[in-house]
C-alpha atoms as a PDB file:
ATOM      1  CA  MET A   1     124.263 -52.883  11.359  1.00  0.00           C
ATOM      2  CA  LEU A   2     121.826 -56.355  11.473  1.00  0.00           C
ATOM      3  CA  ILE A   3     118.719 -54.476  11.347  1.00  0.00           C
ATOM      4  CA  ILE A   4     119.892 -52.121   8.936  1.00  0.00           C
ATOM      5  CA  ILE A   5     120.619 -55.082   6.461  1.00  0.00           C
ATOM      6  CA  ILE A   6     116.801 -56.373   7.408  1.00  0.00           C
ATOM      7  CA  LEU A   7     115.317 -53.059   6.368  1.00  0.00           C
ATOM      8  CA  THR A   8     117.222 -52.693   3.543  1.00  0.00           C
ATOM      9  CA  LEU A   9     115.885 -55.842   2.371  1.00  0.00           C
ATOM     10  CA  VAL A  10     112.497 -55.493   2.961  1.00  0.00           C
ATOM     11  CA  SER A  11     112.710 -52.093   1.300  1.00  0.00           C
ATOM     12  CA  SER A  12     114.270 -53.497  -2.079  1.00  0.00           C
ATOM     13  CA  CYS A  13     111.646 -56.112  -2.129  1.00  0.00           C
ATOM     14  CA  LYS A  14     108.524 -53.424  -2.096  1.00  0.00           C
ATOM     15  CA  LYS A  15     106.304 -53.277  -4.955  1.00  0.00           C
ATOM     16  CA  SER A  16     106.650 -50.368  -6.446  1.00  0.00           C
ATOM     17  CA  THR A  17     103.246 -48.331  -7.401  1.00  0.00           C
ATOM     18  CA  ASP A  18     104.404 -45.098  -7.553  1.00  0.00           C
ATOM     19  CA  ASP A  19     105.169 -43.184 -11.221  1.00  0.00           C
ATOM     20  CA  ASN A  20     108.065 -43.845 -13.039  1.00  0.00           C
ATOM     21  CA  PRO A  21     108.389 -41.390 -16.272  1.00  0.00           C
ATOM     22  CA  LYS A  22     111.701 -43.704 -16.918  1.00  0.00           C
ATOM     23  CA  THR A  23     110.007 -46.695 -18.155  1.00  0.00           C
ATOM     24  CA  VAL A  24     106.468 -45.437 -18.613  1.00  0.00           C
ATOM     25  CA  GLU A  25     105.794 -42.202 -20.642  1.00  0.00           C
ATOM     26  CA  LEU A  26     101.945 -40.976 -21.982  1.00  0.00           C
ATOM     27  CA  LYS A  27     101.628 -38.472 -24.733  1.00  0.00           C
ATOM     28  CA  SER A  28      99.618 -36.641 -25.760  1.00  0.00           C
ATOM     29  CA  PRO A  29      96.039 -38.040 -27.491  1.00  0.00           C
ATOM     30  CA  THR A  30      95.911 -37.340 -30.941  1.00  0.00           C
ATOM     31  CA  ASN A  31      92.975 -37.590 -33.379  1.00  0.00           C
ATOM     32  CA  ILE A  32      90.087 -36.344 -30.758  1.00  0.00           C
ATOM     33  CA  THR A  33      86.443 -36.530 -32.018  1.00  0.00           C
ATOM     34  CA  GLU A  34      83.074 -36.159 -31.114  1.00  0.00           C
ATOM     35  CA  THR A  35      82.915 -40.308 -29.541  1.00  0.00           C
ATOM     36  CA  SER A  36      86.870 -41.339 -29.295  1.00  0.00           C
ATOM     37  CA  PHE A  37      90.622 -40.484 -29.854  1.00  0.00           C
ATOM     38  CA  THR A  38      93.901 -42.062 -29.650  1.00  0.00           C
ATOM     39  CA  ALA A  39      95.930 -42.513 -26.334  1.00  0.00           C
ATOM     40  CA  ASN A  40      99.600 -42.675 -27.444  1.00  0.00           C
ATOM     41  CA  TRP A  41     102.874 -43.765 -25.360  1.00  0.00           C
ATOM     42  CA  ASN A  42     106.320 -44.858 -24.657  1.00  0.00           C
ATOM     43  CA  LEU A  43     107.807 -48.006 -22.677  1.00  0.00           C
ATOM     44  CA  ILE A  44     111.540 -47.852 -22.234  1.00  0.00           C
ATOM     45  CA  THR A  45     111.309 -51.488 -21.514  1.00  0.00           C
ATOM     46  CA  SER A  46     110.186 -54.794 -22.697  1.00  0.00           C
ATOM     47  CA  ASP A  47     109.373 -56.213 -19.196  1.00  0.00           C
ATOM     48  CA  VAL A  48     106.048 -55.689 -19.415  1.00  0.00           C
ATOM     49  CA  LYS A  49     103.474 -58.538 -18.643  1.00  0.00           C
ATOM     50  CA  SER A  50     100.355 -56.184 -18.892  1.00  0.00           C
ATOM     51  CA  ILE A  51      98.900 -52.860 -19.856  1.00  0.00           C
ATOM     52  CA  PHE A  52      95.561 -51.002 -19.493  1.00  0.00           C
ATOM     53  CA  ILE A  53      94.580 -47.239 -20.323  1.00  0.00           C
ATOM     54  CA  GLU A  54      92.480 -45.932 -17.386  1.00  0.00           C
ATOM     55  CA  ILE A  55      90.428 -43.167 -18.703  1.00  0.00           C
ATOM     56  CA  ALA A  56      87.991 -40.982 -15.841  1.00  0.00           C
ATOM     57  CA  PHE A  57      85.912 -38.310 -15.215  1.00  0.00           C
ATOM     58  CA  ASP A  58      88.516 -36.771 -12.616  1.00  0.00           C
ATOM     59  CA  ASN A  59      92.183 -36.577 -12.494  1.00  0.00           C
ATOM     60  CA  ASN A  60      91.439 -38.589  -9.113  1.00  0.00           C
ATOM     61  CA  TYR A  61      90.472 -41.631 -10.907  1.00  0.00           C
ATOM     62  CA  GLU A  62      87.767 -41.595  -8.284  1.00  0.00           C
ATOM     63  CA  ASN A  63      85.023 -41.913 -11.254  1.00  0.00           C
ATOM     64  CA  ILE A  64      86.977 -43.966 -13.784  1.00  0.00           C
ATOM     65  CA  VAL A  65      84.451 -44.608 -17.494  1.00  0.00           C
ATOM     66  CA  LYS A  66      86.739 -47.665 -18.609  1.00  0.00           C
ATOM     67  CA  GLN A  67      89.705 -49.430 -18.199  1.00  0.00           C
ATOM     68  CA  ILE A  68      90.939 -51.015 -21.294  1.00  0.00           C
ATOM     69  CA  GLU A  69      93.756 -53.573 -21.859  1.00  0.00           C
ATOM     70  CA  ALA A  70      96.401 -52.894 -24.330  1.00  0.00           C
ATOM     71  CA  ASN A  71      98.851 -55.079 -26.556  1.00  0.00           C
ATOM     72  CA  ASN A  72     102.577 -55.166 -25.106  1.00  0.00           C
ATOM     73  CA  THR A  73     103.598 -54.525 -28.290  1.00  0.00           C
ATOM     74  CA  GLN A  74     101.004 -51.455 -29.127  1.00  0.00           C
ATOM     75  CA  SER A  75     102.057 -47.888 -28.608  1.00  0.00           C
ATOM     76  CA  SER A  76      98.532 -46.404 -29.264  1.00  0.00           C
ATOM     77  CA  LEU A  77      95.103 -47.615 -28.809  1.00  0.00           C
ATOM     78  CA  ILE A  78      91.841 -45.917 -30.208  1.00  0.00           C
ATOM     79  CA  ILE A  79      89.450 -45.083 -27.097  1.00  0.00           C
ATOM     80  CA  ASP A  80      85.373 -45.293 -28.768  1.00  0.00           C
ATOM     81  CA  ASP A  81      81.964 -44.701 -27.518  1.00  0.00           C
ATOM     82  CA  MET A  82      83.121 -41.724 -25.639  1.00  0.00           C
ATOM     83  CA  LEU A  83      80.554 -38.459 -25.051  1.00  0.00           C
ATOM     84  CA  GLY A  84      81.210 -35.489 -27.424  1.00  0.00           C
ATOM     85  CA  ALA A  85      81.941 -32.224 -25.534  1.00  0.00           C
ATOM     86  CA  THR A  86      83.556 -34.178 -22.412  1.00  0.00           C
ATOM     87  CA  LYS A  87      86.426 -33.519 -20.905  1.00  0.00           C
ATOM     88  CA  TYR A  88      88.186 -36.799 -19.750  1.00  0.00           C
ATOM     89  CA  PHE A  89      91.605 -37.664 -17.895  1.00  0.00           C
ATOM     90  CA  HIS A  90      93.591 -40.750 -18.888  1.00  0.00           C
ATOM     91  CA  ARG A  91      96.586 -42.354 -17.808  1.00  0.00           C
ATOM     92  CA  LEU A  92      98.848 -45.789 -18.406  1.00  0.00           C
ATOM     93  CA  VAL A  93      99.059 -48.633 -15.866  1.00  0.00           C
ATOM     94  CA  VAL A  94     101.581 -51.039 -16.830  1.00  0.00           C
ATOM     95  CA  GLU A  95     102.719 -54.086 -14.525  1.00  0.00           C
ATOM     96  CA  PHE A  96     105.873 -55.594 -15.059  1.00  0.00           C
ATOM     97  CA  ASN A  97     107.091 -59.343 -14.910  1.00  0.00           C
ATOM     98  CA  ASP A  98     108.719 -58.670 -11.595  1.00  0.00           C
ATOM     99  CA  GLY A  99     104.788 -57.978 -10.145  1.00  0.00           C
ATOM    100  CA  SER A 100     106.176 -54.244  -9.916  1.00  0.00           C
ATOM    101  CA  ILE A 101     103.143 -51.649 -11.040  1.00  0.00           C
ATOM    102  CA  SER A 102     104.298 -48.350 -12.859  1.00  0.00           C
ATOM    103  CA  LYS A 103     101.724 -45.219 -13.735  1.00  0.00           C
ATOM    104  CA  SER A 104     101.763 -42.762 -16.065  1.00  0.00           C
ATOM    105  CA  GLY A 105     101.131 -39.130 -15.642  1.00  0.00           C
ATOM    106  CA  THR A 106      97.891 -37.955 -16.766  1.00  0.00           C
ATOM    107  CA  LYS A 107      96.565 -36.342 -19.908  1.00  0.00           C
ATOM    108  CA  SER A 108      93.224 -34.288 -20.069  1.00  0.00           C
ATOM    109  CA  LEU A 109      91.389 -33.974 -23.275  1.00  0.00           C
ATOM    110  CA  ARG A 110      87.860 -32.073 -24.648  1.00  0.00           C
ATOM    111  CA  THR A 111      85.797 -34.473 -26.890  1.00  0.00           C
ATOM    112  CA  SER A 112      85.046 -32.305 -30.144  1.00  0.00           C
ATOM    113  CA  TYR A 113      82.140 -30.632 -30.789  1.00  0.00           C
ATOM    114  CA  ILE A 114      80.216 -27.968 -33.364  1.00  0.00           C
ATOM    115  CA  THR A 115      80.433 -24.446 -32.554  1.00  0.00           C
ATOM    116  CA  GLU A 116      79.290 -22.088 -34.923  1.00  0.00           C
ATOM    117  CA  THR A 117      79.489 -17.718 -35.365  1.00  0.00           C
ATOM    118  CA  VAL A 118      75.997 -16.534 -35.918  1.00  0.00           C
ATOM    119  CA  THR A 119      74.281 -13.228 -36.332  1.00  0.00           C
ATOM    120  CA  PHE A 120      70.613 -12.085 -36.064  1.00  0.00           C
ATOM    121  CA  THR A 121      68.972  -8.711 -36.223  1.00  0.00           C
ATOM    122  CA  THR A 122      66.729  -7.460 -33.818  1.00  0.00           C
ATOM    123  CA  SER A 123      63.098  -5.772 -34.222  1.00  0.00           C
ATOM    124  CA  ASP A 124      64.990  -2.341 -34.153  1.00  0.00           C
ATOM    125  CA  ASP A 125      67.529  -3.146 -36.890  1.00  0.00           C
ATOM    126  CA  MET A 126      70.819  -4.397 -34.319  1.00  0.00           C
ATOM    127  CA  THR A 127      72.731  -6.729 -35.233  1.00  0.00           C
ATOM    128  CA  ILE A 128      73.509  -9.295 -32.435  1.00  0.00           C
ATOM    129  CA  ALA A 129      76.569 -11.339 -32.690  1.00  0.00           C
ATOM    130  CA  GLY A 130      76.574 -15.055 -30.351  1.00  0.00           C
ATOM    131  CA  LYS A 131      77.964 -18.565 -30.922  1.00  0.00           C
ATOM    132  CA  ILE A 132      75.962 -21.667 -31.482  1.00  0.00           C
ATOM    133  CA  TYR A 133      77.282 -24.925 -29.743  1.00  0.00           C
ATOM    134  CA  TYR A 134      75.502 -28.847 -31.124  1.00  0.00           C
ATOM    135  CA  LEU A 135      76.624 -32.087 -30.963  1.00  0.00           C
ATOM    136  CA  GLY A 136      77.163 -33.603 -35.033  1.00  0.00           C
ATOM    137  CA  SER A 137      75.774 -36.809 -33.947  1.00  0.00           C
ATOM    138  CA  ASN A 138      71.978 -34.994 -33.089  1.00  0.00           C
ATOM    139  CA  ASP A 139      70.093 -36.686 -35.404  1.00  0.00           C
ATOM    140  CA  THR A 140      66.980 -35.321 -34.122  1.00  0.00           C
ATOM    141  CA  PRO A 141      65.979 -31.835 -32.914  1.00  0.00           C
ATOM    142  CA  LYS A 142      66.912 -30.523 -29.323  1.00  0.00           C
ATOM    143  CA  PRO A 143      65.639 -28.222 -26.481  1.00  0.00           C
ATOM    144  CA  GLY A 144      67.966 -25.372 -26.829  1.00  0.00           C
ATOM    145  CA  ILE A 145      69.351 -23.256 -24.450  1.00  0.00           C
ATOM    146  CA  ILE A 146      70.576 -19.232 -24.619  1.00  0.00           C
ATOM    147  CA  PHE A 147      72.703 -18.060 -22.436  1.00  0.00           C
ATOM    148  CA  MET A 148      72.776 -13.883 -21.038  1.00  0.00           C
ATOM    149  CA  HIS A 149      75.639 -12.409 -19.896  1.00  0.00           C
ATOM    150  CA  GLU A 150      76.305  -9.563 -17.805  1.00  0.00           C
ATOM    151  CA  MET A 151      76.739  -5.970 -17.984  1.00  0.00           C
ATOM    152  CA  GLY A 152      79.760  -4.625 -19.753  1.00  0.00           C
ATOM    153  CA  VAL A 153      81.888  -8.044 -20.163  1.00  0.00           C
ATOM    154  CA  PHE A 154      84.612  -7.263 -23.281  1.00  0.00           C
ATOM    155  CA  VAL A 155      84.486 -11.582 -23.977  1.00  0.00           C
ATOM    156  CA  ASN A 156      81.052 -13.154 -23.011  1.00  0.00           C
ATOM    157  CA  ASN A 157      81.952 -15.576 -20.166  1.00  0.00           C
ATOM    158  CA  TRP A 158      79.445 -18.240 -21.163  1.00  0.00           C
ATOM    159  CA  ASN A 159      81.168 -18.992 -24.714  1.00  0.00           C
ATOM    160  CA  SER A 160      83.100 -22.326 -23.521  1.00  0.00           C
ATOM    161  CA  SER A 161      82.228 -22.626 -19.943  1.00  0.00           C
ATOM    162  CA  ASP A 162      81.537 -25.705 -18.188  1.00  0.00           C
ATOM    163  CA  VAL A 163      77.739 -24.936 -17.778  1.00  0.00           C
ATOM    164  CA  VAL A 164      77.459 -24.687 -22.033  1.00  0.00           C
ATOM    165  CA  LEU A 165      79.665 -27.230 -22.491  1.00  0.00           C
ATOM    166  CA  GLY A 166      77.752 -29.934 -19.989  1.00  0.00           C
ATOM    167  CA  LEU A 167      74.639 -28.948 -21.763  1.00  0.00           C
ATOM    168  CA  VAL A 168      76.260 -29.678 -24.722  1.00  0.00           C
ATOM    169  CA  ALA A 169      77.150 -32.947 -23.880  1.00  0.00           C
ATOM    170  CA  LYS A 170      73.915 -34.049 -22.643  1.00  0.00           C
ATOM    171  CA  GLY A 171      72.909 -33.547 -26.440  1.00  0.00           C
ATOM    172  CA  TYR A 172      71.176 -29.651 -25.998  1.00  0.00           C
ATOM    173  CA  VAL A 173      71.789 -26.931 -28.562  1.00  0.00           C
ATOM    174  CA  CYS A 174      73.357 -23.597 -26.632  1.00  0.00           C
ATOM    175  CA  LEU A 175      73.323 -20.204 -27.584  1.00  0.00           C
ATOM    176  CA  ALA A 176      75.675 -17.857 -25.828  1.00  0.00           C
ATOM    177  CA  PHE A 177      75.402 -14.200 -27.518  1.00  0.00           C
ATOM    178  CA  ASP A 178      75.823 -10.467 -27.107  1.00  0.00           C
ATOM    179  CA  PHE A 179      73.497  -7.580 -25.861  1.00  0.00           C
ATOM    180  CA  ARG A 180      74.206  -4.498 -28.040  1.00  0.00           C
ATOM    181  CA  GLY A 181      77.004  -3.217 -27.295  1.00  0.00           C
ATOM    182  CA  HIS A 182      78.728  -5.788 -26.351  1.00  0.00           C
ATOM    183  CA  GLY A 183      81.244  -7.954 -28.293  1.00  0.00           C
ATOM    184  CA  ASN A 184      80.532  -7.940 -32.449  1.00  0.00           C
ATOM    185  CA  SER A 185      77.059  -6.759 -31.543  1.00  0.00           C
ATOM    186  CA  THR A 186      76.092  -3.459 -32.647  1.00  0.00           C
ATOM    187  CA  PRO A 187      77.744  -0.565 -30.434  1.00  0.00           C
ATOM    188  CA  VAL A 188      75.712   1.509 -28.485  1.00  0.00           C
ATOM    189  CA  ASP A 189      76.716   5.342 -27.436  1.00  0.00           C
ATOM    190  CA  ASP A 190      76.403   4.270 -23.462  1.00  0.00           C
ATOM    191  CA  LEU A 191      76.047   1.233 -22.563  1.00  0.00           C
ATOM    192  CA  SER A 192      73.993   2.600 -19.260  1.00  0.00           C
ATOM    193  CA  ILE A 193      71.028   3.079 -21.347  1.00  0.00           C
ATOM    194  CA  LEU A 194      70.968  -0.682 -21.372  1.00  0.00           C
ATOM    195  CA  LEU A 195      69.985  -0.072 -17.386  1.00  0.00           C
ATOM    196  CA  SER A 196      67.835   2.530 -17.846  1.00  0.00           C
ATOM    197  CA  ASP A 197      65.446   1.160 -20.145  1.00  0.00           C
ATOM    198  CA  LYS A 198      65.587  -2.790 -20.169  1.00  0.00           C
ATOM    199  CA  SER A 199      63.102  -2.934 -23.302  1.00  0.00           C
ATOM    200  CA  LEU A 200      66.372  -2.286 -25.401  1.00  0.00           C
ATOM    201  CA  ILE A 201      68.054  -5.795 -24.202  1.00  0.00           C
ATOM    202  CA  ALA A 202      64.765  -7.703 -23.959  1.00  0.00           C
ATOM    203  CA  ASN A 203      64.475  -7.184 -27.602  1.00  0.00           C
ATOM    204  CA  ASP A 204      67.900  -9.100 -27.902  1.00  0.00           C
ATOM    205  CA  LEU A 205      66.113 -12.109 -26.333  1.00  0.00           C
ATOM    206  CA  LYS A 206      63.244 -11.952 -28.811  1.00  0.00           C
ATOM    207  CA  ALA A 207      65.777 -11.767 -31.353  1.00  0.00           C
ATOM    208  CA  ALA A 208      67.555 -14.837 -29.486  1.00  0.00           C
ATOM    209  CA  LEU A 209      64.583 -16.926 -29.080  1.00  0.00           C
ATOM    210  CA  SER A 210      63.335 -16.588 -32.764  1.00  0.00           C
ATOM    211  CA  PHE A 211      66.731 -17.475 -34.206  1.00  0.00           C
ATOM    212  CA  LEU A 212      67.223 -20.251 -32.437  1.00  0.00           C
ATOM    213  CA  LYS A 213      63.704 -21.553 -32.738  1.00  0.00           C
ATOM    214  CA  ASN A 214      64.236 -21.791 -36.364  1.00  0.00           C
ATOM    215  CA  GLN A 215      67.722 -23.877 -36.298  1.00  0.00           C
ATOM    216  CA  THR A 216      66.806 -27.804 -37.606  1.00  0.00           C
ATOM    217  CA  LYS A 217      68.429 -28.839 -34.426  1.00  0.00           C
ATOM    218  CA  VAL A 218      66.699 -27.190 -32.040  1.00  0.00           C
ATOM    219  CA  ASP A 219      63.069 -28.333 -30.460  1.00  0.00           C
ATOM    220  CA  PRO A 220      61.545 -24.823 -30.352  1.00  0.00           C
ATOM    221  CA  SER A 221      58.788 -26.324 -28.058  1.00  0.00           C
ATOM    222  CA  ASN A 222      61.760 -26.504 -25.636  1.00  0.00           C
ATOM    223  CA  ILE A 223      63.873 -23.739 -24.257  1.00  0.00           C
ATOM    224  CA  ALA A 224      65.529 -22.448 -21.388  1.00  0.00           C
ATOM    225  CA  LEU A 225      67.340 -19.349 -20.628  1.00  0.00           C
ATOM    226  CA  VAL A 226      70.040 -18.848 -18.706  1.00  0.00           C
ATOM    227  CA  GLY A 227      71.515 -15.411 -17.124  1.00  0.00           C
ATOM    228  CA  ALA A 228      74.301 -13.929 -15.641  1.00  0.00           C
ATOM    229  CA  SER A 229      73.677 -10.463 -13.464  1.00  0.00           C
ATOM    230  CA  LEU A 230      72.414  -8.180 -16.443  1.00  0.00           C
ATOM    231  CA  GLY A 231      71.703 -11.247 -18.881  1.00  0.00           C
ATOM    232  CA  ALA A 232      69.819 -12.746 -15.349  1.00  0.00           C
ATOM    233  CA  ILE A 233      67.765 -10.011 -15.528  1.00  0.00           C
ATOM    234  CA  MET A 234      66.182 -11.056 -18.992  1.00  0.00           C
ATOM    235  CA  ALA A 235      66.373 -15.210 -17.947  1.00  0.00           C
ATOM    236  CA  VAL A 236      63.326 -14.886 -15.503  1.00  0.00           C
ATOM    237  CA  ALA A 237      61.888 -12.233 -17.811  1.00  0.00           C
ATOM    238  CA  GLY A 238      61.567 -14.421 -20.872  1.00  0.00           C
ATOM    239  CA  ASN A 239      59.926 -16.886 -18.631  1.00  0.00           C
ATOM    240  CA  GLY A 240      56.357 -16.050 -19.769  1.00  0.00           C
ATOM    241  CA  TYR A 241      57.163 -17.141 -23.253  1.00  0.00           C
ATOM    242  CA  GLU A 242      55.314 -20.191 -23.976  1.00  0.00           C
ATOM    243  CA  GLU A 243      58.189 -22.330 -25.031  1.00  0.00           C
ATOM    244  CA  VAL A 244      60.636 -21.289 -22.497  1.00  0.00           C
ATOM    245  CA  LYS A 245      60.500 -24.404 -19.806  1.00  0.00           C
ATOM    246  CA  THR A 246      62.598 -22.904 -17.256  1.00  0.00           C
ATOM    247  CA  SER A 247      64.732 -20.050 -15.931  1.00  0.00           C
ATOM    248  CA  VAL A 248      68.317 -19.942 -14.540  1.00  0.00           C
ATOM    249  CA  SER A 249      69.226 -16.340 -12.553  1.00  0.00           C
ATOM    250  CA  VAL A 250      72.887 -16.155 -11.729  1.00  0.00           C
ATOM    251  CA  SER A 251      73.508 -13.257  -9.690  1.00  0.00           C
ATOM    252  CA  GLY A 252      70.162 -11.228 -10.715  1.00  0.00           C
ATOM    253  CA  ILE A 253      67.886  -8.604  -9.348  1.00  0.00           C
ATOM    254  CA  GLU A 254      64.364  -8.504  -9.208  1.00  0.00           C
ATOM    255  CA  ASP A 255      64.277  -4.818 -11.379  1.00  0.00           C
ATOM    256  CA  GLY A 256      63.288  -5.104 -15.254  1.00  0.00           C
ATOM    257  CA  ILE A 257      62.194  -8.834 -14.894  1.00  0.00           C
ATOM    258  CA  TYR A 258      58.316  -7.443 -15.825  1.00  0.00           C
ATOM    259  CA  GLU A 259      59.562  -5.909 -19.346  1.00  0.00           C
ATOM    260  CA  ILE A 260      58.436  -8.174 -21.728  1.00  0.00           C
ATOM    261  CA  PHE A 261      55.511  -9.586 -19.407  1.00  0.00           C
ATOM    262  CA  PRO A 262      54.188  -7.088 -16.788  1.00  0.00           C
ATOM    263  CA  ASP A 263      51.612  -9.566 -15.570  1.00  0.00           C
ATOM    264  CA  LEU A 264      54.589 -12.330 -15.510  1.00  0.00           C
ATOM    265  CA  SER A 265      54.142 -15.195 -13.565  1.00  0.00           C
ATOM    266  CA  ILE A 266      57.461 -17.099 -12.947  1.00  0.00           C
ATOM    267  CA  SER A 267      57.642 -20.811 -12.534  1.00  0.00           C
ATOM    268  CA  SER A 268      60.192 -23.178 -12.803  1.00  0.00           C
ATOM    269  CA  ALA A 269      63.165 -20.887 -11.567  1.00  0.00           C
ATOM    270  CA  LEU A 270      66.469 -21.711 -10.353  1.00  0.00           C
ATOM    271  CA  TYR A 271      67.971 -18.499  -8.085  1.00  0.00           C
ATOM    272  CA  VAL A 272      71.873 -18.887  -7.526  1.00  0.00           C
ATOM    273  CA  VAL A 273      73.917 -15.832  -5.536  1.00  0.00           C
ATOM    274  CA  GLY A 274      76.773 -15.697  -3.450  1.00  0.00           C
ATOM    275  CA  GLU A 275      76.555 -15.184   0.310  1.00  0.00           C
ATOM    276  CA  PHE A 276      78.409 -12.340   0.329  1.00  0.00           C
ATOM    277  CA  ASP A 277      77.080 -10.647  -2.769  1.00  0.00           C
ATOM    278  CA  ILE A 278      76.408  -7.247  -1.386  1.00  0.00           C
ATOM    279  CA  HIS A 279      77.343  -4.153  -2.761  1.00  0.00           C
ATOM    280  CA  ASP A 280      76.447  -0.181  -1.451  1.00  0.00           C
ATOM    281  CA  VAL A 281      74.283   0.718  -4.514  1.00  0.00           C
ATOM    282  CA  PRO A 282      70.904   0.231  -5.358  1.00  0.00           C
ATOM    283  CA  ASN A 283      69.926  -3.207  -5.780  1.00  0.00           C
ATOM    284  CA  GLY A 284      72.864  -4.151  -5.029  1.00  0.00           C
ATOM    285  CA  ASN A 285      72.112  -7.047  -1.861  1.00  0.00           C
ATOM    286  CA  PHE A 286      71.697  -9.702  -4.825  1.00  0.00           C
ATOM    287  CA  PRO A 287      71.102 -12.455  -2.174  1.00  0.00           C
ATOM    288  CA  LYS A 288      68.303 -10.444  -1.264  1.00  0.00           C
ATOM    289  CA  GLU A 289      67.281  -9.599  -4.595  1.00  0.00           C
ATOM    290  CA  ALA A 290      67.337 -13.865  -5.170  1.00  0.00           C
ATOM    291  CA  GLN A 291      65.389 -14.405  -1.979  1.00  0.00           C
ATOM    292  CA  SER A 292      62.804 -12.174  -3.037  1.00  0.00           C
ATOM    293  CA  MET A 293      62.320 -13.450  -6.742  1.00  0.00           C
ATOM    294  CA  TYR A 294      62.391 -16.877  -5.284  1.00  0.00           C
ATOM    295  CA  ASP A 295      59.675 -15.710  -2.653  1.00  0.00           C
ATOM    296  CA  ILE A 296      57.106 -14.363  -6.146  1.00  0.00           C
ATOM    297  CA  SER A 297      57.822 -17.514  -8.181  1.00  0.00           C
ATOM    298  CA  GLN A 298      55.863 -20.593  -8.613  1.00  0.00           C
ATOM    299  CA  GLU A 299      56.538 -24.163  -7.979  1.00  0.00           C
ATOM    300  CA  PRO A 300      59.153 -25.823  -8.772  1.00  0.00           C
ATOM    301  CA  LYS A 301      61.687 -23.331  -7.837  1.00  0.00           C
ATOM    302  CA  LYS A 302      65.145 -23.802  -6.253  1.00  0.00           C
ATOM    303  CA  LEU A 303      67.151 -20.960  -4.532  1.00  0.00           C
ATOM    304  CA  ILE A 304      71.286 -21.854  -4.049  1.00  0.00           C
ATOM    305  CA  ILE A 305      72.769 -19.453  -1.950  1.00  0.00           C
ATOM    306  CA  VAL A 306      75.979 -20.150  -2.002  1.00  0.00           C
ATOM    307  CA  GLN A 307      78.140 -20.207   1.238  1.00  0.00           C
ATOM    308  CA  GLY A 308      81.108 -17.897   2.004  1.00  0.00           C
ATOM    309  CA  ALA A 309      81.131 -16.533  -1.557  1.00  0.00           C
ATOM    310  CA  SER A 310      81.560 -12.891  -3.074  1.00  0.00           C
ATOM    311  CA  ALA A 311      81.784 -13.775  -6.339  1.00  0.00           C
ATOM    312  CA  HIS A 312      79.361 -12.163  -8.996  1.00  0.00           C
ATOM    313  CA  GLY A 313      77.933 -13.490 -12.404  1.00  0.00           C
ATOM    314  CA  THR A 314      79.556 -16.500 -14.184  1.00  0.00           C
ATOM    315  CA  GLU A 315      82.629 -16.026 -11.586  1.00  0.00           C
ATOM    316  CA  LEU A 316      80.762 -17.632  -9.144  1.00  0.00           C
ATOM    317  CA  LEU A 317      80.590 -20.934 -11.429  1.00  0.00           C
ATOM    318  CA  THR A 318      84.072 -22.541 -10.169  1.00  0.00           C
ATOM    319  CA  SER A 319      82.876 -25.376  -8.594  1.00  0.00           C
ATOM    320  CA  VAL A 320      81.732 -28.625  -9.769  1.00  0.00           C
ATOM    321  CA  SER A 321      79.076 -29.311  -8.022  1.00  0.00           C
ATOM    322  CA  LEU A 322      77.423 -25.908  -8.612  1.00  0.00           C
ATOM    323  CA  VAL A 323      77.891 -26.806 -12.493  1.00  0.00           C
ATOM    324  CA  THR A 324      76.357 -30.077 -11.712  1.00  0.00           C
ATOM    325  CA  GLU A 325      73.304 -28.523  -9.967  1.00  0.00           C
ATOM    326  CA  ILE A 326      72.635 -26.175 -12.493  1.00  0.00           C
ATOM    327  CA  ILE A 327      73.356 -28.492 -15.425  1.00  0.00           C
ATOM    328  CA  ASN A 328      70.458 -31.296 -13.573  1.00  0.00           C
ATOM    329  CA  TRP A 329      67.852 -28.341 -12.930  1.00  0.00           C
ATOM    330  CA  ILE A 330      67.589 -27.770 -16.304  1.00  0.00           C
ATOM    331  CA  GLU A 331      67.894 -31.155 -17.406  1.00  0.00           C
ATOM    332  CA  SER A 332      64.938 -31.855 -15.058  1.00  0.00           C
ATOM    333  CA  GLN A 333      62.647 -29.118 -16.151  1.00  0.00           C
ATOM    334  CA  PHE A 334      62.898 -30.376 -19.896  1.00  0.00           C
ATOM    335  CA  ASN A 335      62.047 -34.161 -18.613  1.00  0.00           C
ATOM    336  CA  ARG A 336      58.667 -32.700 -16.512  1.00  0.00           C
END
């Protein structure tokens, strides 16, 4: 009996660090802008010694961006000096007068950015639809990046993807467009014609490149091309344009890469492919295709084979570390 009493006393004296929603309630953030947001909360007690808002890039709070102390009488706080188009996590950390600490649940948000729906016309009078993303705070022209999708997608998987928004957060201007026959671009009778005659989607890329270079917020001498599957072919095919500083191919093949420049010499290319993305169709061994393109490319170049992965195209880009590698590659090539 004595042992039980002692254990009970010890247990009652421990300082709690567990979440306590009865006394700490973090509400949804409001007033989200490109550079700030308002954190909101309720404290169902007045027995508070200190309040801190922790802001991090991850929900495990291993990479804390800042920790800001709030007044004990406050129920909201404006958090500023944030990066645009960036996902943040935040929580409330409260220390009570008895020394115990309570942490609220986590809320997430993404700071804002500008999205515009655009159209432009190809040399063969096709209307191409897309979306352009950038930071409103950009006050000088920035490098531009064009994203091209897979064959037959109903919704362009690049739109609002982590790769796109990660690059927007760096200040770049991003354009994701729909090839003819896809999305809101001009329909075609048979999508298979885009595989047999890649000069058609080459026209779409040329029009996209011309459109992006003419945007006032874009530095026309610094462009990158990023594509998945069908789009990856054009990302490499367009490597020969003088203003294209780098190409990123995700699950691409070699067939068609000489459509724009028959004497293309590929330089500054990143190839990404799943280890087991292999299919019993012509050109269906995507790791082999990526290796072949890597072998014929000039330095700088890089090949990433995602071990154990059979996913194809943008479905491959679920790893934060892989997304980061792509973003870092593009940024390094702009800074060469």
